[in-house]
Every structure is written in structure tokens, then in C-alpha cells.
Amino acid sequence: MSNPLKIMASVSAALLAACVATSPAGEGSKTESGETRDPSVILSIGEKAPAFEAKDEVGRTVRLEDYRGKSNVVLIFYPGDDTPGCTKQLCAARDDYAKYQALDAVVFGVNPAGQESKQAFSNKYDFPFPLLADTEGTLVRDYGCRGIGGITTRTVYAINKDGVIVFAERGMPSSETILASLGG
């Protein structure tokens, strides 16, 4: 007879692996001085945010440049769609979304999982903001969020209307902490 705990652990590991997308290997973007970024090192406050283009959960193209001069941008990098910690983090942003909007901030969740996974996750929790499918892992690498084994390191960035990083922190900072960096 098999050990039920071992079976449960095996099933749990398989489910987690199915929900947590890993980013493909590769180098990070180039710094302003032309050096290659380490894809696991968080970017610095005051640094120009790397440009990006990605598809959201319904296939719309999102470009950082489209928000320049118009809106602040908050990027929430998270390891997996519909996993407990990630759900908690993105639901907190959902619940405080009006506060972000009051500061002219748009919010995006980001990880390497595909559009279908993002769409199901967004629909399930009624997120009022897009989830970006970084399937090539470009954003994860360029923003220094590539962790061990390619798993996305939970990181939050706030970028002002000039395209400059004004907040950069690992983990799950509170909305109040993020909003304070944008003048809230």
C-alpha cells in the first residue's frame, strides 16, 4: 500500500508546477551604459524603466511607452496564476484599485504563463487590471525577476509618468507603501 502523504505531496508538486510558469533562460536587457543586466538583480529606484511590449490576457498589446507622460505604471511580478500567495497579492491590488486610479496609476500583473491561464485567473477573481503574459520571459529578465530555476521572483515596481522607477521591492508590499511612492 502506498503512503497517502507521499501521494498527496506528489500531486501537490505536480499541480504547483502546472500553475507556476518559468521564464526561459537568457540574458537581461542592457543598462543605459550598454552593460548586460543580471536577470536576477532588482532594478534601482531612479533608474529608467526598461521598455516592454507584451500581450494581456485577452490578446491586447501593452507597451510601457504608451503610458509615458499619461499614467504611472505599477508592475506586479508574481510566480503563478491562481496560487495562494499570488491570488492574495493581486486581490489586494484589486481591492485597492480605486486608490491606484486616483493617483493616475495603471496596474499590471506579470508572469510567463500564457494568455489562457491569465484569462481564467482574471475572470475568477474579477481583476480590473490586465495580466501580462510574458511567455518569452523578457519582462521577467529585463526587470530582474528571474529566480532560481526560472521561477519569477515576486517583485513590485512603480514607474512614474516620466518612465523612471520610483518603487522597487521584493515580496508583497502593501498598496499603501506602493502608493506612497507615487505621492499617495
Protein backbone atom coordinates (compact mmCIF):
# COMPACT_ATOMS: atom_id res chain seq x y z
CA MET A 1 0.00 0.00 0.00
CA SER A 2 1.34 3.47 -0.91
CA ASN A 3 1.85 6.18 1.66
CA PRO A 4 -1.07 8.67 1.30
CA LEU A 5 1.14 11.59 2.38
CA LYS A 6 3.68 10.83 -0.33
CA ILE A 7 0.90 10.63 -2.92
CA MET A 8 -0.57 13.97 -1.74
CA ALA A 9 2.87 15.61 -1.83
CA SER A 10 3.42 14.30 -5.36
CA VAL A 11 0.05 15.57 -6.56
CA SER A 12 0.61 18.96 -4.88
CA ALA A 13 4.02 19.35 -6.52
CA ALA A 14 2.56 18.49 -9.93
CA LEU A 15 -0.28 20.99 -9.52
CA LEU A 16 2.10 23.73 -8.42
CA ALA A 17 4.38 23.04 -11.37
CA ALA A 18 1.38 23.31 -13.70
CA CYS A 19 0.39 26.72 -12.24
CA VAL A 20 3.82 28.30 -11.85
CA ALA A 21 5.34 29.26 -15.16
CA THR A 22 9.07 29.54 -15.56
CA SER A 23 10.76 32.05 -17.78
CA PRO A 24 13.08 30.83 -20.49
CA ALA A 25 16.79 31.31 -19.83
CA GLY A 26 18.52 34.29 -21.29
CA GLU A 27 20.28 37.49 -20.54
CA GLY A 28 18.65 40.59 -19.14
CA SER A 29 18.34 43.83 -21.04
CA LYS A 30 21.10 46.36 -21.47
CA THR A 31 21.70 49.15 -18.97
CA GLU A 32 21.91 52.76 -20.15
CA SER A 33 25.70 52.31 -20.27
CA GLY A 34 25.34 49.24 -22.52
CA GLU A 35 26.15 46.56 -19.94
CA THR A 36 24.01 43.42 -19.78
CA ARG A 37 21.76 43.26 -16.73
CA ASP A 38 21.81 40.24 -14.43
CA PRO A 39 18.25 38.86 -14.85
CA SER A 40 18.02 38.09 -11.12
CA VAL A 41 19.03 41.51 -9.72
CA ILE A 42 16.29 44.00 -8.82
CA LEU A 43 16.44 47.33 -10.64
CA SER A 44 17.20 50.54 -8.75
CA ILE A 45 14.97 53.44 -7.81
CA GLY A 46 15.83 56.38 -10.08
CA GLU A 47 16.71 54.12 -13.00
CA LYS A 48 14.85 54.41 -16.30
CA ALA A 49 12.40 51.51 -16.60
CA PRO A 50 13.18 49.09 -19.45
CA ALA A 51 10.76 49.42 -22.37
CA PHE A 52 8.45 46.48 -22.92
CA GLU A 53 5.71 45.12 -25.11
CA ALA A 54 3.50 42.21 -24.04
CA LYS A 55 0.07 40.75 -24.65
CA ASP A 56 -2.54 40.83 -21.92
CA GLU A 57 -4.98 38.06 -21.04
CA VAL A 58 -7.28 38.88 -23.97
CA GLY A 59 -4.55 39.47 -26.55
CA ARG A 60 -4.26 43.27 -26.44
CA THR A 61 -0.74 44.62 -26.86
CA VAL A 62 0.54 46.65 -23.92
CA ARG A 63 3.60 48.90 -24.26
CA LEU A 64 5.21 50.87 -21.45
CA GLU A 65 5.78 53.74 -23.90
CA ASP A 66 2.01 54.13 -24.37
CA TYR A 67 1.74 55.36 -20.76
CA ARG A 68 4.67 57.78 -20.80
CA GLY A 69 3.52 61.27 -19.85
CA LYS A 70 -0.01 59.97 -19.20
CA SER A 71 -0.04 57.45 -16.34
CA ASN A 72 2.09 55.98 -13.61
CA VAL A 73 2.60 52.23 -14.06
CA VAL A 74 2.69 49.54 -11.37
CA LEU A 75 4.11 46.15 -12.37
CA ILE A 76 3.40 43.24 -10.02
CA PHE A 77 5.61 40.28 -10.95
CA TYR A 78 4.31 37.06 -9.41
CA PRO A 79 5.23 33.36 -9.72
CA GLY A 80 1.95 31.66 -10.62
CA ASP A 81 -1.62 32.21 -11.74
CA ASP A 82 -4.24 31.10 -9.23
CA THR A 83 -1.79 30.13 -6.49
CA PRO A 84 -2.44 31.18 -2.86
CA GLY A 85 0.19 33.92 -2.39
CA CYS A 86 -0.26 35.34 -5.86
CA THR A 87 -4.04 35.38 -5.50
CA LYS A 88 -3.73 37.23 -2.17
CA GLN A 89 -1.33 39.78 -3.66
CA LEU A 90 -3.37 40.52 -6.78
CA CYS A 91 -6.68 40.57 -4.87
CA ALA A 92 -5.18 43.23 -2.56
CA ALA A 93 -4.35 45.34 -5.64
CA ARG A 94 -7.88 44.70 -6.94
CA ASP A 95 -9.44 45.80 -3.66
CA ASP A 96 -7.33 48.99 -3.63
CA TYR A 97 -7.61 49.67 -7.37
CA ALA A 98 -9.59 52.92 -6.90
CA LYS A 99 -6.65 54.26 -4.86
CA TYR A 100 -4.26 53.46 -7.72
CA GLN A 101 -6.59 55.13 -10.22
CA ALA A 102 -6.79 58.24 -8.00
CA LEU A 103 -3.01 58.61 -8.50
CA ASP A 104 -3.21 58.10 -12.27
CA ALA A 105 -1.68 54.66 -11.92
CA VAL A 106 -2.36 51.64 -14.10
CA VAL A 107 -1.61 48.22 -12.64
CA PHE A 108 -0.39 45.12 -14.46
CA GLY A 109 0.21 41.63 -13.11
CA VAL A 110 3.10 39.91 -14.91
CA ASN A 111 4.45 36.36 -15.21
CA PRO A 112 5.45 33.95 -18.01
CA ALA A 113 2.23 31.89 -18.06
CA GLY A 114 0.15 32.11 -21.24
CA GLN A 115 -2.97 34.07 -22.07
CA GLU A 116 -5.43 31.25 -21.32
CA SER A 117 -4.11 30.85 -17.79
CA LYS A 118 -4.21 34.63 -17.29
CA GLN A 119 -7.74 34.93 -18.62
CA ALA A 120 -9.07 32.19 -16.33
CA PHE A 121 -7.28 33.71 -13.31
CA SER A 122 -8.54 37.21 -14.11
CA ASN A 123 -12.11 36.05 -14.67
CA LYS A 124 -12.15 34.00 -11.48
CA TYR A 125 -11.12 36.96 -9.29
CA ASP A 126 -12.57 39.81 -11.37
CA PHE A 127 -9.33 41.76 -11.68
CA PRO A 128 -9.96 45.29 -13.02
CA PHE A 129 -6.42 45.45 -14.42
CA PRO A 130 -4.68 43.42 -17.14
CA LEU A 131 -2.44 40.43 -16.55
CA LEU A 132 0.51 40.33 -18.95
CA ALA A 133 1.56 37.02 -20.48
CA ASP A 134 5.36 37.31 -20.59
CA THR A 135 5.71 33.96 -22.39
CA GLU A 136 9.24 34.68 -23.64
CA GLY A 137 10.32 35.80 -20.16
CA THR A 138 11.59 39.12 -21.49
CA LEU A 139 9.98 41.32 -18.82
CA VAL A 140 10.96 38.91 -16.05
CA ARG A 141 14.60 39.05 -17.18
CA ASP A 142 14.71 42.77 -18.00
CA TYR A 143 13.21 43.71 -14.65
CA GLY A 144 15.50 41.40 -12.64
CA CYS A 145 12.75 38.99 -11.57
CA ARG A 146 14.20 35.69 -12.81
CA GLY A 147 14.71 33.48 -9.79
CA ILE A 148 16.16 30.04 -9.18
CA GLY A 149 15.00 27.52 -11.76
CA GLY A 150 13.47 30.30 -13.86
CA ILE A 151 10.61 30.88 -11.43
CA THR A 152 9.52 34.52 -11.30
CA THR A 153 10.63 36.29 -8.13
CA ARG A 154 7.75 38.19 -6.53
CA THR A 155 8.66 41.85 -7.16
CA VAL A 156 6.74 45.12 -7.43
CA TYR A 157 7.79 48.21 -9.38
CA ALA A 158 6.16 51.63 -9.61
CA ILE A 159 7.18 53.71 -12.61
CA ASN A 160 6.32 57.39 -12.80
CA LYS A 161 4.94 59.21 -15.84
CA ASP A 162 8.50 60.03 -16.95
CA GLY A 163 9.37 56.31 -17.14
CA VAL A 164 11.56 56.36 -14.02
CA ILE A 165 11.38 53.66 -11.34
CA VAL A 166 10.17 55.23 -8.08
CA PHE A 167 9.50 51.99 -6.19
CA ALA A 168 11.19 48.59 -6.35
CA GLU A 169 10.69 45.91 -3.73
CA ARG A 170 10.68 42.11 -3.49
CA GLY A 171 7.82 40.34 -1.79
CA MET A 172 4.30 41.59 -1.19
CA PRO A 173 4.48 45.25 -0.19
CA SER A 174 1.18 46.82 0.86
CA SER A 175 -0.75 49.04 -1.50
CA GLU A 176 -0.16 51.92 0.92
CA THR A 177 3.62 51.50 0.58
CA ILE A 178 3.42 51.33 -3.22
CA LEU A 179 1.02 54.28 -3.43
CA ALA A 180 3.23 56.41 -1.16
CA SER A 181 5.97 56.20 -3.80
CA LEU A 182 3.55 57.77 -6.27
CA GLY A 183 2.60 60.61 -3.92
CA GLY A 184 -0.36 58.93 -2.25
